[in-house]
Every structure is written in structure tokens, then in C-alpha cells.
Amino acid sequence: MLAEHGIQAERRDYFKSPFTVEELRGLLNEIGLSPSEVLSKRSKAYRDLGLADHECSDDELLELMASNPGLLRRPIVVKDRRAVIGFNRGQLEDLIDRE
């Protein structure tokens, strides 16, 4: 979708190149979101780790996300300190079109 609008983006495969805790913390601070807001509650990792039955602190979630990239909702698209988490065509178009 970004290519359709002539936008070149830096792409990162979370599984081949996982984020460190520090990278995740920095990214989330930049876009003003908490770890729980980017947590994929429908992921296999979420179910396998039993996270529905466990309340985690932000630090615990960051550690889990760094070691289990499947816990991150995908994609995370960032432009000018704003982000769209997960695929939502309307939100992506708003992010792309916003000057």
C-alpha cells in the first residue's frame, strides 16, 4: 500500500531481526503508546504464554515482546511520530495523506 503512494519505507521483519527491549521502549515512547496497545491478543504466542490469565507490567510485556516477536501486532507503520498499529486501510491512508 505504501508503494502504491510512492512512499519508500524501512521494513523490518520482527522475526528475523527482533527488537530489543530498549528499541521497543524507544519506539513506543516516540509514538506515545504503551506495550499493551501493541500487544497481539490473537497471536499464538499470547495463547501459548497464557497471557490472558496474567496481568503483566509494561516492563514484563517489553521483555516478552523482545523474546517473542509474535506478541507484536503487525504492521507497525510510523510517520512523523504517529503510528498505525495493525492493518487498517483507512488509518494508513490518513497517515500517508497527512502532511
Protein backbone atom coordinates (compact mmCIF):
# COMPACT_ATOMS: atom_id res chain seq x y z
CA MET A 1 0.00 0.00 0.00
CA LEU A 2 2.82 2.41 0.79
CA ALA A 3 4.47 1.65 -2.55
CA GLU A 4 1.17 2.48 -4.30
CA HIS A 5 1.54 6.00 -2.91
CA GLY A 6 5.19 6.26 -3.90
CA ILE A 7 6.37 6.05 -0.31
CA GLN A 8 9.60 4.27 0.42
CA ALA A 9 9.62 2.68 3.83
CA GLU A 10 12.12 0.97 6.04
CA ARG A 11 10.83 -2.54 6.54
CA ARG A 12 11.79 -4.76 9.44
CA ASP A 13 10.90 -8.41 9.81
CA TYR A 14 10.33 -8.74 13.57
CA PHE A 15 11.09 -12.45 13.42
CA LYS A 16 14.40 -12.24 11.56
CA SER A 17 15.53 -9.11 13.37
CA PRO A 18 13.68 -8.89 16.70
CA PHE A 19 13.53 -5.64 18.61
CA THR A 20 15.50 -5.27 21.80
CA VAL A 21 13.70 -4.09 24.92
CA GLU A 22 15.41 -0.71 24.54
CA GLU A 23 14.33 -0.38 20.89
CA LEU A 24 10.74 -1.22 21.75
CA ARG A 25 10.70 1.19 24.67
CA GLY A 26 12.11 3.96 22.45
CA LEU A 27 9.66 3.26 19.62
CA LEU A 28 6.67 3.22 21.95
CA ASN A 29 7.80 6.42 23.68
CA GLU A 30 8.19 8.08 20.26
CA ILE A 31 4.66 7.21 19.17
CA GLY A 32 3.04 7.62 22.58
CA LEU A 33 1.74 4.07 23.03
CA SER A 34 2.04 1.54 25.80
CA PRO A 35 3.13 -2.09 25.36
CA SER A 36 -0.43 -3.29 25.91
CA GLU A 37 -1.59 -1.13 22.97
CA VAL A 38 0.66 -3.03 20.54
CA LEU A 39 0.09 -6.47 22.07
CA SER A 40 -1.42 -9.03 19.72
CA LYS A 41 -4.02 -10.77 21.83
CA ARG A 42 -4.94 -13.05 18.92
CA SER A 43 -1.42 -14.41 18.46
CA LYS A 44 -0.35 -17.96 19.12
CA ALA A 45 2.39 -16.67 21.45
CA TYR A 46 -0.22 -14.82 23.54
CA ARG A 47 -2.23 -18.03 23.95
CA ASP A 48 0.82 -20.25 24.49
CA LEU A 49 2.17 -17.96 27.22
CA GLY A 50 -1.22 -17.81 28.95
CA LEU A 51 -1.19 -14.02 28.97
CA ALA A 52 -4.97 -13.75 29.05
CA ASP A 53 -4.83 -15.07 32.60
CA HIS A 54 -1.86 -12.99 33.73
CA GLU A 55 -1.55 -9.24 34.23
CA CYS A 56 1.87 -8.04 33.11
CA SER A 57 3.65 -4.78 33.84
CA ASP A 58 4.90 -2.71 30.92
CA ASP A 59 8.45 -3.89 31.60
CA GLU A 60 7.34 -7.53 31.60
CA LEU A 61 5.48 -7.05 28.32
CA LEU A 62 8.51 -5.42 26.72
CA GLU A 63 10.69 -8.36 27.78
CA LEU A 64 8.15 -10.83 26.44
CA MET A 65 7.77 -8.95 23.14
CA ALA A 66 11.53 -8.82 22.65
CA SER A 67 11.81 -12.58 23.10
CA ASN A 68 8.50 -13.43 21.35
CA PRO A 69 8.03 -11.08 18.36
CA GLY A 70 4.68 -12.71 17.57
CA LEU A 71 3.27 -10.75 20.51
CA LEU A 72 3.57 -7.54 18.49
CA ARG A 73 0.63 -6.51 16.33
CA ARG A 74 1.71 -6.12 12.73
CA PRO A 75 2.42 -3.98 10.93
CA ILE A 76 3.60 -1.01 12.93
CA VAL A 77 3.74 1.91 10.50
CA VAL A 78 5.31 5.11 11.81
CA LYS A 79 5.38 8.51 10.15
CA ASP A 80 6.24 11.78 11.86
CA ARG A 81 5.86 10.32 15.38
CA ARG A 82 2.39 9.00 14.54
CA ALA A 83 1.63 5.33 14.08
CA VAL A 84 -0.89 2.86 12.79
CA ILE A 85 -0.81 -0.49 14.57
CA GLY A 86 -2.19 -3.46 12.65
CA PHE A 87 -3.54 -3.31 9.12
CA ASN A 88 -6.28 -0.71 8.79
CA ARG A 89 -6.53 0.72 5.28
CA GLY A 90 -8.40 3.87 6.34
CA GLN A 91 -5.96 4.73 9.13
CA LEU A 92 -2.99 4.03 6.85
CA GLU A 93 -4.40 6.32 4.17
CA ASP A 94 -4.94 9.05 6.77
CA LEU A 95 -1.35 8.64 7.97
CA ILE A 96 0.00 8.73 4.40
CA ASP A 97 -2.11 11.71 3.33
CA ARG A 98 -1.44 13.81 6.41
CA GLU A 99 1.16 16.46 5.70
